[in-house]
Amino acid sequence: MKTSCWATRGILGGSVLGLVVLVGAGGCASEGTSDRTGARTLDDILKAGTIRIGLNPRIPPRALYDDQNEIVGFEVDVASEIGRLLGVDVELVVVGSPDRIPFVALGKVDAVMGAMTRDSKRAKVIDFSVPIHTSSYGVLTRKDTGITTWQQLNHENITLVQVRGTVTVEIVKRLLPQARLLLLDNYTDRDRALAQGRADASVDGIDTLGFRFTRAFSDVDWYWFATPDFRPPDYSGFGVAKGNDTLRDWLNVAVYEMHESGFIATRWEEWFGAPMATPVPFTPFFQ
């Protein structure tokens, strides 16, 4: 039996089929699966005429709700281009940071973005496409804290606030063990905790900060700085179900074409207001 979820149509002039809100393990799923994980192969997707792509509208400008409560952003543009290249409609599925891997591993989505950073631990559970973009890391704080180096964070009087399920949580635990750790569910709550003084700093990607703080918490005297010696840039691509080689291989070709054409670089600069801090060194030779 097919289970339906509420959908809003008309995003990007009809190039994105709909927004489906899936929350936790009890969210809606679709029929048409092909293996025990529920993952759909490339042929399944082509036959269905729809690809389901997960993204997180709480990490602007990768994805965000606009004034009409529709999802827009860099990742929406990438998802739309994937649908155009594949010749199918796109169904956007909302995921939080902790939901990204379970949703794709269980087949609730065909592919997931949401700044899906690849690493060896995650690669045991899901597969990754070639990179779409990089993420440059640094420290976000307020000027009144006096924090100017990441080494100052490793102190018992410092509270670091991090988003649950993100790659920086384990890095902070390993490199800054003396600091107190506050885990929250999304970046809006993270920013609010810092603005209210409930935490001193956060270690995470800094690519989006200029965009974020022109729109929220603009009265706070923010300070952030890059920390390449703490954490080199990460590479983010599509996450797909383990062993779904037909879809992963096609996505690799499509992402390469989007880099080669300048689509990704152009869309990134339009949404983030600056070129990618560490451009992806794309190549036609990939697995």
C-alpha atoms as a PDB file:
ATOM      1  CA  MET A   1       0.000   0.000   0.000  1.00  0.00           C
ATOM      2  CA  LYS A   2       1.271   3.429  -0.876  1.00  0.00           C
ATOM      3  CA  THR A   3       1.427   5.962   1.964  1.00  0.00           C
ATOM      4  CA  SER A   4       1.055   9.626   1.048  1.00  0.00           C
ATOM      5  CA  CYS A   5       2.238  12.726   2.827  1.00  0.00           C
ATOM      6  CA  TRP A   6       1.093  16.338   2.555  1.00  0.00           C
ATOM      7  CA  ALA A   7       2.827  18.145  -0.296  1.00  0.00           C
ATOM      8  CA  THR A   8       3.088  21.735  -1.514  1.00  0.00           C
ATOM      9  CA  ARG A   9       3.531  22.070  -5.277  1.00  0.00           C
ATOM     10  CA  GLY A  10       4.854  24.848  -7.451  1.00  0.00           C
ATOM     11  CA  ILE A  11       8.388  25.263  -6.119  1.00  0.00           C
ATOM     12  CA  LEU A  12      10.763  26.570  -8.808  1.00  0.00           C
ATOM     13  CA  GLY A  13       7.983  26.901 -11.332  1.00  0.00           C
ATOM     14  CA  GLY A  14       7.070  23.236 -11.234  1.00  0.00           C
ATOM     15  CA  SER A  15      10.585  21.833 -11.659  1.00  0.00           C
ATOM     16  CA  VAL A  16      10.388  20.557  -8.099  1.00  0.00           C
ATOM     17  CA  LEU A  17       7.398  18.289  -7.647  1.00  0.00           C
ATOM     18  CA  GLY A  18       6.681  18.869  -3.992  1.00  0.00           C
ATOM     19  CA  LEU A  19       7.765  19.254  -0.406  1.00  0.00           C
ATOM     20  CA  VAL A  20       7.114  16.226   1.758  1.00  0.00           C
ATOM     21  CA  VAL A  21       7.547  16.619   5.491  1.00  0.00           C
ATOM     22  CA  LEU A  22       8.929  13.452   7.076  1.00  0.00           C
ATOM     23  CA  VAL A  23       9.553  13.491  10.814  1.00  0.00           C
ATOM     24  CA  GLY A  24      11.444  10.735  12.616  1.00  0.00           C
ATOM     25  CA  ALA A  25      11.075   7.014  12.044  1.00  0.00           C
ATOM     26  CA  GLY A  26       7.310   7.269  11.642  1.00  0.00           C
ATOM     27  CA  GLY A  27       7.500   9.438   8.538  1.00  0.00           C
ATOM     28  CA  CYS A  28       5.917   8.550   5.224  1.00  0.00           C
ATOM     29  CA  ALA A  29       7.550   6.289   2.664  1.00  0.00           C
ATOM     30  CA  SER A  30       6.788   5.493  -0.946  1.00  0.00           C
ATOM     31  CA  GLU A  31       6.379   2.214  -2.778  1.00  0.00           C
ATOM     32  CA  GLY A  32       8.591   1.198  -5.683  1.00  0.00           C
ATOM     33  CA  THR A  33      11.573  -0.012  -3.629  1.00  0.00           C
ATOM     34  CA  SER A  34      13.962  -2.591  -4.971  1.00  0.00           C
ATOM     35  CA  ASP A  35      15.952  -4.120  -2.113  1.00  0.00           C
ATOM     36  CA  ARG A  36      15.896  -4.798   1.600  1.00  0.00           C
ATOM     37  CA  THR A  37      16.920  -1.247   2.529  1.00  0.00           C
ATOM     38  CA  GLY A  38      14.141   0.280   0.442  1.00  0.00           C
ATOM     39  CA  ALA A  39      16.675   2.025  -1.821  1.00  0.00           C
ATOM     40  CA  ARG A  40      15.544   2.654  -5.391  1.00  0.00           C
ATOM     41  CA  THR A  41      17.959   2.067  -8.249  1.00  0.00           C
ATOM     42  CA  LEU A  42      18.411   4.499 -11.118  1.00  0.00           C
ATOM     43  CA  ASP A  43      15.998   2.413 -13.217  1.00  0.00           C
ATOM     44  CA  ASP A  44      13.376   2.515 -10.431  1.00  0.00           C
ATOM     45  CA  ILE A  45      13.630   6.306 -10.310  1.00  0.00           C
ATOM     46  CA  LEU A  46      13.369   6.669 -14.074  1.00  0.00           C
ATOM     47  CA  LYS A  47      10.306   4.412 -14.158  1.00  0.00           C
ATOM     48  CA  ALA A  48       8.676   6.331 -11.294  1.00  0.00           C
ATOM     49  CA  GLY A  49       9.440   9.671 -12.952  1.00  0.00           C
ATOM     50  CA  THR A  50      10.414  11.223  -9.609  1.00  0.00           C
ATOM     51  CA  ILE A  51      13.600  11.426  -7.553  1.00  0.00           C
ATOM     52  CA  ARG A  52      13.309  12.057  -3.794  1.00  0.00           C
ATOM     53  CA  ILE A  53      16.057  14.329  -2.471  1.00  0.00           C
ATOM     54  CA  GLY A  54      16.480  15.151   1.209  1.00  0.00           C
ATOM     55  CA  LEU A  55      17.640  18.568   2.352  1.00  0.00           C
ATOM     56  CA  ASN A  56      17.599  20.629   5.522  1.00  0.00           C
ATOM     57  CA  PRO A  57      15.839  24.031   5.334  1.00  0.00           C
ATOM     58  CA  ARG A  58      17.447  25.081   8.627  1.00  0.00           C
ATOM     59  CA  ILE A  59      20.926  25.606   7.148  1.00  0.00           C
ATOM     60  CA  PRO A  60      20.554  28.696   4.954  1.00  0.00           C
ATOM     61  CA  PRO A  61      21.504  29.562   2.314  1.00  0.00           C
ATOM     62  CA  ARG A  62      21.897  25.914   1.364  1.00  0.00           C
ATOM     63  CA  ALA A  63      18.146  25.647   1.940  1.00  0.00           C
ATOM     64  CA  LEU A  64      15.633  27.882   3.699  1.00  0.00           C
ATOM     65  CA  TYR A  65      11.962  28.860   3.753  1.00  0.00           C
ATOM     66  CA  ASP A  66      11.173  32.058   1.866  1.00  0.00           C
ATOM     67  CA  ASP A  67       8.404  34.570   2.598  1.00  0.00           C
ATOM     68  CA  GLN A  68       5.868  32.294   0.866  1.00  0.00           C
ATOM     69  CA  ASN A  69       6.949  29.348   3.067  1.00  0.00           C
ATOM     70  CA  GLU A  70       8.504  27.603   0.083  1.00  0.00           C
ATOM     71  CA  ILE A  71      11.963  26.065   0.204  1.00  0.00           C
ATOM     72  CA  VAL A  72      14.646  27.862  -1.812  1.00  0.00           C
ATOM     73  CA  GLY A  73      18.427  27.957  -1.713  1.00  0.00           C
ATOM     74  CA  PHE A  74      21.616  26.583  -3.192  1.00  0.00           C
ATOM     75  CA  GLU A  75      20.689  22.932  -2.621  1.00  0.00           C
ATOM     76  CA  VAL A  76      17.218  23.442  -4.104  1.00  0.00           C
ATOM     77  CA  ASP A  77      18.868  24.798  -7.263  1.00  0.00           C
ATOM     78  CA  VAL A  78      21.185  21.766  -7.371  1.00  0.00           C
ATOM     79  CA  ALA A  79      18.258  19.372  -6.815  1.00  0.00           C
ATOM     80  CA  SER A  80      16.288  21.068  -9.584  1.00  0.00           C
ATOM     81  CA  GLU A  81      19.224  20.719 -11.973  1.00  0.00           C
ATOM     82  CA  ILE A  82      19.531  17.030 -11.073  1.00  0.00           C
ATOM     83  CA  GLY A  83      15.880  16.563 -12.001  1.00  0.00           C
ATOM     84  CA  ARG A  84      16.380  18.406 -15.293  1.00  0.00           C
ATOM     85  CA  LEU A  85      19.423  16.340 -16.239  1.00  0.00           C
ATOM     86  CA  LEU A  86      17.714  13.097 -15.262  1.00  0.00           C
ATOM     87  CA  GLY A  87      14.439  14.043 -16.930  1.00  0.00           C
ATOM     88  CA  VAL A  88      12.281  13.450 -13.839  1.00  0.00           C
ATOM     89  CA  ASP A  89      10.402  15.514 -11.267  1.00  0.00           C
ATOM     90  CA  VAL A  90      12.033  16.250  -7.920  1.00  0.00           C
ATOM     91  CA  GLU A  91      10.386  15.576  -4.569  1.00  0.00           C
ATOM     92  CA  LEU A  92      12.059  17.531  -1.767  1.00  0.00           C
ATOM     93  CA  VAL A  93      12.034  15.758   1.592  1.00  0.00           C
ATOM     94  CA  VAL A  94      12.798  17.780   4.713  1.00  0.00           C
ATOM     95  CA  VAL A  95      15.450  16.205   6.959  1.00  0.00           C
ATOM     96  CA  GLY A  96      17.183  17.421  10.111  1.00  0.00           C
ATOM     97  CA  SER A  97      20.900  16.889  10.641  1.00  0.00           C
ATOM     98  CA  PRO A  98      20.405  13.711  12.749  1.00  0.00           C
ATOM     99  CA  ASP A  99      17.930  12.281  10.174  1.00  0.00           C
ATOM    100  CA  ARG A 100      20.074  12.488   7.050  1.00  0.00           C
ATOM    101  CA  ILE A 101      21.828   9.125   7.240  1.00  0.00           C
ATOM    102  CA  PRO A 102      18.824   7.115   8.562  1.00  0.00           C
ATOM    103  CA  PHE A 103      16.537   8.541   5.877  1.00  0.00           C
ATOM    104  CA  VAL A 104      18.837   7.597   2.999  1.00  0.00           C
ATOM    105  CA  ALA A 105      19.912   4.264   4.546  1.00  0.00           C
ATOM    106  CA  LEU A 106      16.268   3.212   4.977  1.00  0.00           C
ATOM    107  CA  GLY A 107      15.187   4.403   1.536  1.00  0.00           C
ATOM    108  CA  LYS A 108      12.971   7.276   2.697  1.00  0.00           C
ATOM    109  CA  VAL A 109      14.928   9.409   0.219  1.00  0.00           C
ATOM    110  CA  ASP A 110      16.926   8.445  -2.871  1.00  0.00           C
ATOM    111  CA  ALA A 111      19.708  10.924  -2.163  1.00  0.00           C
ATOM    112  CA  VAL A 112      20.387  13.428   0.598  1.00  0.00           C
ATOM    113  CA  MET A 113      22.221  16.751   0.786  1.00  0.00           C
ATOM    114  CA  GLY A 114      21.944  19.004   3.847  1.00  0.00           C
ATOM    115  CA  ALA A 115      25.723  19.670   3.778  1.00  0.00           C
ATOM    116  CA  MET A 116      26.348  15.902   3.705  1.00  0.00           C
ATOM    117  CA  THR A 117      30.027  15.756   4.665  1.00  0.00           C
ATOM    118  CA  ARG A 118      31.765  12.530   3.747  1.00  0.00           C
ATOM    119  CA  ASP A 119      33.956  10.675   6.239  1.00  0.00           C
ATOM    120  CA  SER A 120      35.090   7.106   6.842  1.00  0.00           C
ATOM    121  CA  LYS A 121      32.584   6.475   9.646  1.00  0.00           C
ATOM    122  CA  ARG A 122      29.584   7.556   7.577  1.00  0.00           C
ATOM    123  CA  ALA A 123      30.917   5.667   4.560  1.00  0.00           C
ATOM    124  CA  LYS A 124      30.404   2.410   6.482  1.00  0.00           C
ATOM    125  CA  VAL A 125      26.647   3.078   6.383  1.00  0.00           C
ATOM    126  CA  ILE A 126      25.994   5.014   3.170  1.00  0.00           C
ATOM    127  CA  ASP A 127      27.790   5.809  -0.090  1.00  0.00           C
ATOM    128  CA  PHE A 128      28.775   9.255  -1.379  1.00  0.00           C
ATOM    129  CA  SER A 129      28.890  10.957  -4.739  1.00  0.00           C
ATOM    130  CA  VAL A 130      31.821  13.097  -5.812  1.00  0.00           C
ATOM    131  CA  PRO A 131      31.853  16.440  -3.947  1.00  0.00           C
ATOM    132  CA  ILE A 132      29.365  19.193  -4.691  1.00  0.00           C
ATOM    133  CA  HIS A 133      31.033  21.753  -2.431  1.00  0.00           C
ATOM    134  CA  THR A 134      33.531  22.234   0.373  1.00  0.00           C
ATOM    135  CA  SER A 135      32.980  23.436   3.925  1.00  0.00           C
ATOM    136  CA  SER A 136      35.597  25.646   5.570  1.00  0.00           C
ATOM    137  CA  TYR A 137      35.788  25.526   9.355  1.00  0.00           C
ATOM    138  CA  GLY A 138      36.318  28.123  12.034  1.00  0.00           C
ATOM    139  CA  VAL A 139      35.159  29.505  15.371  1.00  0.00           C
ATOM    140  CA  LEU A 140      32.006  31.574  15.854  1.00  0.00           C
ATOM    141  CA  THR A 141      31.787  33.671  19.004  1.00  0.00           C
ATOM    142  CA  ARG A 142      30.894  37.164  20.266  1.00  0.00           C
ATOM    143  CA  LYS A 143      33.468  39.914  20.543  1.00  0.00           C
ATOM    144  CA  ASP A 144      32.768  40.279  24.269  1.00  0.00           C
ATOM    145  CA  THR A 145      34.198  36.794  24.958  1.00  0.00           C
ATOM    146  CA  GLY A 146      37.710  37.838  23.981  1.00  0.00           C
ATOM    147  CA  ILE A 147      38.201  34.548  22.128  1.00  0.00           C
ATOM    148  CA  THR A 148      40.629  34.942  19.214  1.00  0.00           C
ATOM    149  CA  THR A 149      42.199  31.461  18.887  1.00  0.00           C
ATOM    150  CA  TRP A 150      40.736  27.967  18.933  1.00  0.00           C
ATOM    151  CA  GLN A 151      43.229  26.937  21.630  1.00  0.00           C
ATOM    152  CA  GLN A 152      41.400  29.211  24.099  1.00  0.00           C
ATOM    153  CA  LEU A 153      38.335  26.977  23.806  1.00  0.00           C
ATOM    154  CA  ASN A 154      39.910  24.026  25.638  1.00  0.00           C
ATOM    155  CA  HIS A 155      39.023  25.246  29.126  1.00  0.00           C
ATOM    156  CA  GLU A 156      36.494  24.107  31.729  1.00  0.00           C
ATOM    157  CA  ASN A 157      34.994  27.607  31.896  1.00  0.00           C
ATOM    158  CA  ILE A 158      34.149  27.580  28.185  1.00  0.00           C
ATOM    159  CA  THR A 159      30.793  26.278  26.916  1.00  0.00           C
ATOM    160  CA  LEU A 160      30.736  25.198  23.294  1.00  0.00           C
ATOM    161  CA  VAL A 161      27.376  24.831  21.546  1.00  0.00           C
ATOM    162  CA  GLN A 162      27.210  22.381  18.634  1.00  0.00           C
ATOM    163  CA  VAL A 163      24.448  20.976  16.440  1.00  0.00           C
ATOM    164  CA  ARG A 164      23.637  17.362  17.225  1.00  0.00           C
ATOM    165  CA  GLY A 165      24.572  14.914  14.453  1.00  0.00           C
ATOM    166  CA  THR A 166      27.132  17.144  12.715  1.00  0.00           C
ATOM    167  CA  VAL A 167      30.731  16.139  12.022  1.00  0.00           C
ATOM    168  CA  THR A 168      32.188  18.794  14.334  1.00  0.00           C
ATOM    169  CA  VAL A 169      30.728  17.214  17.493  1.00  0.00           C
ATOM    170  CA  GLU A 170      33.259  14.374  17.542  1.00  0.00           C
ATOM    171  CA  ILE A 171      36.094  16.744  16.582  1.00  0.00           C
ATOM    172  CA  VAL A 172      35.280  19.020  19.512  1.00  0.00           C
ATOM    173  CA  LYS A 173      35.106  16.071  21.925  1.00  0.00           C
ATOM    174  CA  ARG A 174      38.514  14.878  20.756  1.00  0.00           C
ATOM    175  CA  LEU A 175      40.437  18.152  20.476  1.00  0.00           C
ATOM    176  CA  LEU A 176      38.704  20.284  23.132  1.00  0.00           C
ATOM    177  CA  PRO A 177      37.948  17.801  25.933  1.00  0.00           C
ATOM    178  CA  GLN A 178      38.084  20.363  28.748  1.00  0.00           C
ATOM    179  CA  ALA A 179      35.248  22.512  27.376  1.00  0.00           C
ATOM    180  CA  ARG A 180      31.627  21.993  28.390  1.00  0.00           C
ATOM    181  CA  LEU A 181      29.460  20.835  25.479  1.00  0.00           C
ATOM    182  CA  LEU A 182      25.883  21.928  24.772  1.00  0.00           C
ATOM    183  CA  LEU A 183      24.165  19.982  21.974  1.00  0.00           C
ATOM    184  CA  LEU A 184      21.130  21.466  20.189  1.00  0.00           C
ATOM    185  CA  ASP A 185      19.035  20.241  17.258  1.00  0.00           C
ATOM    186  CA  ASN A 186      19.574  22.958  14.638  1.00  0.00           C
ATOM    187  CA  TYR A 187      21.623  26.017  13.734  1.00  0.00           C
ATOM    188  CA  THR A 188      18.914  28.531  14.602  1.00  0.00           C
ATOM    189  CA  ASP A 189      18.903  27.238  18.180  1.00  0.00           C
ATOM    190  CA  ARG A 190      22.722  27.245  18.136  1.00  0.00           C
ATOM    191  CA  ASP A 191      22.823  30.899  17.073  1.00  0.00           C
ATOM    192  CA  ARG A 192      20.206  31.836  19.667  1.00  0.00           C
ATOM    193  CA  ALA A 193      22.179  30.173  22.472  1.00  0.00           C
ATOM    194  CA  LEU A 194      25.277  32.145  21.509  1.00  0.00           C
ATOM    195  CA  ALA A 195      23.346  35.407  21.136  1.00  0.00           C
ATOM    196  CA  GLN A 196      21.762  34.946  24.584  1.00  0.00           C
ATOM    197  CA  GLY A 197      25.093  34.161  26.237  1.00  0.00           C
ATOM    198  CA  ARG A 198      24.199  30.567  27.111  1.00  0.00           C
ATOM    199  CA  ALA A 199      27.358  29.466  25.293  1.00  0.00           C
ATOM    200  CA  ASP A 200      30.684  31.093  24.478  1.00  0.00           C
ATOM    201  CA  ALA A 201      31.539  29.734  21.055  1.00  0.00           C
ATOM    202  CA  SER A 202      30.834  27.149  18.371  1.00  0.00           C
ATOM    203  CA  VAL A 203      33.211  25.331  16.060  1.00  0.00           C
ATOM    204  CA  ASP A 204      31.629  24.695  12.682  1.00  0.00           C
ATOM    205  CA  GLY A 205      31.489  25.751   9.060  1.00  0.00           C
ATOM    206  CA  ILE A 206      31.891  29.485   8.490  1.00  0.00           C
ATOM    207  CA  ASP A 207      30.755  29.710   4.863  1.00  0.00           C
ATOM    208  CA  THR A 208      27.204  30.740   5.757  1.00  0.00           C
ATOM    209  CA  LEU A 209      27.796  33.188   8.580  1.00  0.00           C
ATOM    210  CA  GLY A 210      27.750  36.377   6.535  1.00  0.00           C
ATOM    211  CA  PHE A 211      24.421  35.333   5.055  1.00  0.00           C
ATOM    212  CA  ARG A 212      22.941  34.255   8.387  1.00  0.00           C
ATOM    213  CA  PHE A 213      23.726  37.327  10.439  1.00  0.00           C
ATOM    214  CA  THR A 214      22.452  39.891   7.974  1.00  0.00           C
ATOM    215  CA  ARG A 215      19.021  38.301   8.513  1.00  0.00           C
ATOM    216  CA  ALA A 216      18.943  37.215  12.159  1.00  0.00           C
ATOM    217  CA  PHE A 217      20.630  38.328  15.396  1.00  0.00           C
ATOM    218  CA  SER A 218      22.058  41.321  13.535  1.00  0.00           C
ATOM    219  CA  ASP A 219      22.236  43.292  16.811  1.00  0.00           C
ATOM    220  CA  VAL A 220      24.875  40.907  18.213  1.00  0.00           C
ATOM    221  CA  ASP A 221      28.531  41.906  17.870  1.00  0.00           C
ATOM    222  CA  TRP A 222      29.637  38.646  16.234  1.00  0.00           C
ATOM    223  CA  TYR A 223      33.202  37.553  15.615  1.00  0.00           C
ATOM    224  CA  TRP A 224      34.404  34.559  13.627  1.00  0.00           C
ATOM    225  CA  PHE A 225      37.686  33.351  12.208  1.00  0.00           C
ATOM    226  CA  ALA A 226      38.973  30.465  10.103  1.00  0.00           C
ATOM    227  CA  THR A 227      40.962  27.628  11.707  1.00  0.00           C
ATOM    228  CA  PRO A 228      42.692  25.600   8.951  1.00  0.00           C
ATOM    229  CA  ASP A 229      45.159  24.217  11.519  1.00  0.00           C
ATOM    230  CA  PHE A 230      42.229  22.912  13.606  1.00  0.00           C
ATOM    231  CA  ARG A 231      40.207  21.345  10.807  1.00  0.00           C
ATOM    232  CA  PRO A 232      40.931  21.351   7.059  1.00  0.00           C
ATOM    233  CA  PRO A 233      38.025  21.856   4.648  1.00  0.00           C
ATOM    234  CA  ASP A 234      35.519  19.026   4.261  1.00  0.00           C
ATOM    235  CA  TYR A 235      33.886  17.812   1.061  1.00  0.00           C
ATOM    236  CA  SER A 236      30.129  17.365   0.795  1.00  0.00           C
ATOM    237  CA  GLY A 237      28.192  15.500  -1.877  1.00  0.00           C
ATOM    238  CA  PHE A 238      25.059  13.432  -2.234  1.00  0.00           C
ATOM    239  CA  GLY A 239      24.610  10.593   0.210  1.00  0.00           C
ATOM    240  CA  VAL A 240      22.952   7.474  -1.246  1.00  0.00           C
ATOM    241  CA  ALA A 241      22.085   4.062   0.162  1.00  0.00           C
ATOM    242  CA  LYS A 242      24.958   1.618   0.574  1.00  0.00           C
ATOM    243  CA  GLY A 243      25.488  -0.354  -2.616  1.00  0.00           C
ATOM    244  CA  ASN A 244      23.190   1.782  -4.794  1.00  0.00           C
ATOM    245  CA  ASP A 245      25.883   2.007  -7.478  1.00  0.00           C
ATOM    246  CA  THR A 246      23.655   2.833 -10.434  1.00  0.00           C
ATOM    247  CA  LEU A 247      22.343   6.004  -8.801  1.00  0.00           C
ATOM    248  CA  ARG A 248      25.699   6.988  -7.319  1.00  0.00           C
ATOM    249  CA  ASP A 249      27.488   6.552 -10.664  1.00  0.00           C
ATOM    250  CA  TRP A 250      24.908   8.683 -12.482  1.00  0.00           C
ATOM    251  CA  LEU A 251      25.103  11.396  -9.801  1.00  0.00           C
ATOM    252  CA  ASN A 252      28.902  11.452 -10.188  1.00  0.00           C
ATOM    253  CA  VAL A 253      28.551  12.231 -13.889  1.00  0.00           C
ATOM    254  CA  ALA A 254      25.850  14.852 -13.258  1.00  0.00           C
ATOM    255  CA  VAL A 255      27.829  16.627 -10.510  1.00  0.00           C
ATOM    256  CA  TYR A 256      30.916  16.682 -12.738  1.00  0.00           C
ATOM    257  CA  GLU A 257      28.872  18.292 -15.517  1.00  0.00           C
ATOM    258  CA  MET A 258      27.536  20.917 -13.096  1.00  0.00           C
ATOM    259  CA  HIS A 259      31.094  21.783 -12.038  1.00  0.00           C
ATOM    260  CA  GLU A 260      32.397  21.839 -15.604  1.00  0.00           C
ATOM    261  CA  SER A 261      29.600  24.128 -16.791  1.00  0.00           C
ATOM    262  CA  GLY A 262      30.092  26.545 -13.899  1.00  0.00           C
ATOM    263  CA  PHE A 263      26.577  25.880 -12.576  1.00  0.00           C
ATOM    264  CA  ILE A 264      27.706  25.054  -9.029  1.00  0.00           C
ATOM    265  CA  ALA A 265      30.198  27.925  -8.739  1.00  0.00           C
ATOM    266  CA  THR A 266      27.648  30.425 -10.044  1.00  0.00           C
ATOM    267  CA  ARG A 267      24.831  29.265  -7.796  1.00  0.00           C
ATOM    268  CA  TRP A 268      27.126  29.165  -4.754  1.00  0.00           C
ATOM    269  CA  GLU A 269      28.243  32.762  -5.235  1.00  0.00           C
ATOM    270  CA  GLU A 270      24.668  33.921  -5.818  1.00  0.00           C
ATOM    271  CA  TRP A 271      23.445  32.393  -2.545  1.00  0.00           C
ATOM    272  CA  PHE A 272      26.497  32.815  -0.284  1.00  0.00           C
ATOM    273  CA  GLY A 273      27.577  36.203  -1.579  1.00  0.00           C
ATOM    274  CA  ALA A 274      31.168  35.116  -2.236  1.00  0.00           C
ATOM    275  CA  PRO A 275      33.042  32.390  -4.140  1.00  0.00           C
ATOM    276  CA  MET A 276      33.500  29.023  -2.443  1.00  0.00           C
ATOM    277  CA  ALA A 277      36.331  29.467   0.085  1.00  0.00           C
ATOM    278  CA  THR A 278      37.967  26.211  -1.044  1.00  0.00           C
ATOM    279  CA  PRO A 279      36.875  25.324  -4.604  1.00  0.00           C
ATOM    280  CA  VAL A 280      36.306  21.644  -5.406  1.00  0.00           C
ATOM    281  CA  PRO A 281      39.169  20.373  -7.632  1.00  0.00           C
ATOM    282  CA  PHE A 282      36.869  18.416  -9.930  1.00  0.00           C
ATOM    283  CA  THR A 283      38.271  15.950 -12.446  1.00  0.00           C
ATOM    284  CA  PRO A 284      36.778  13.726 -15.169  1.00  0.00           C
ATOM    285  CA  PHE A 285      38.517  10.720 -13.564  1.00  0.00           C
ATOM    286  CA  PHE A 286      36.484   9.390 -10.638  1.00  0.00           C
ATOM    287  CA  GLN A 287      35.014   6.238  -9.185  1.00  0.00           C
END
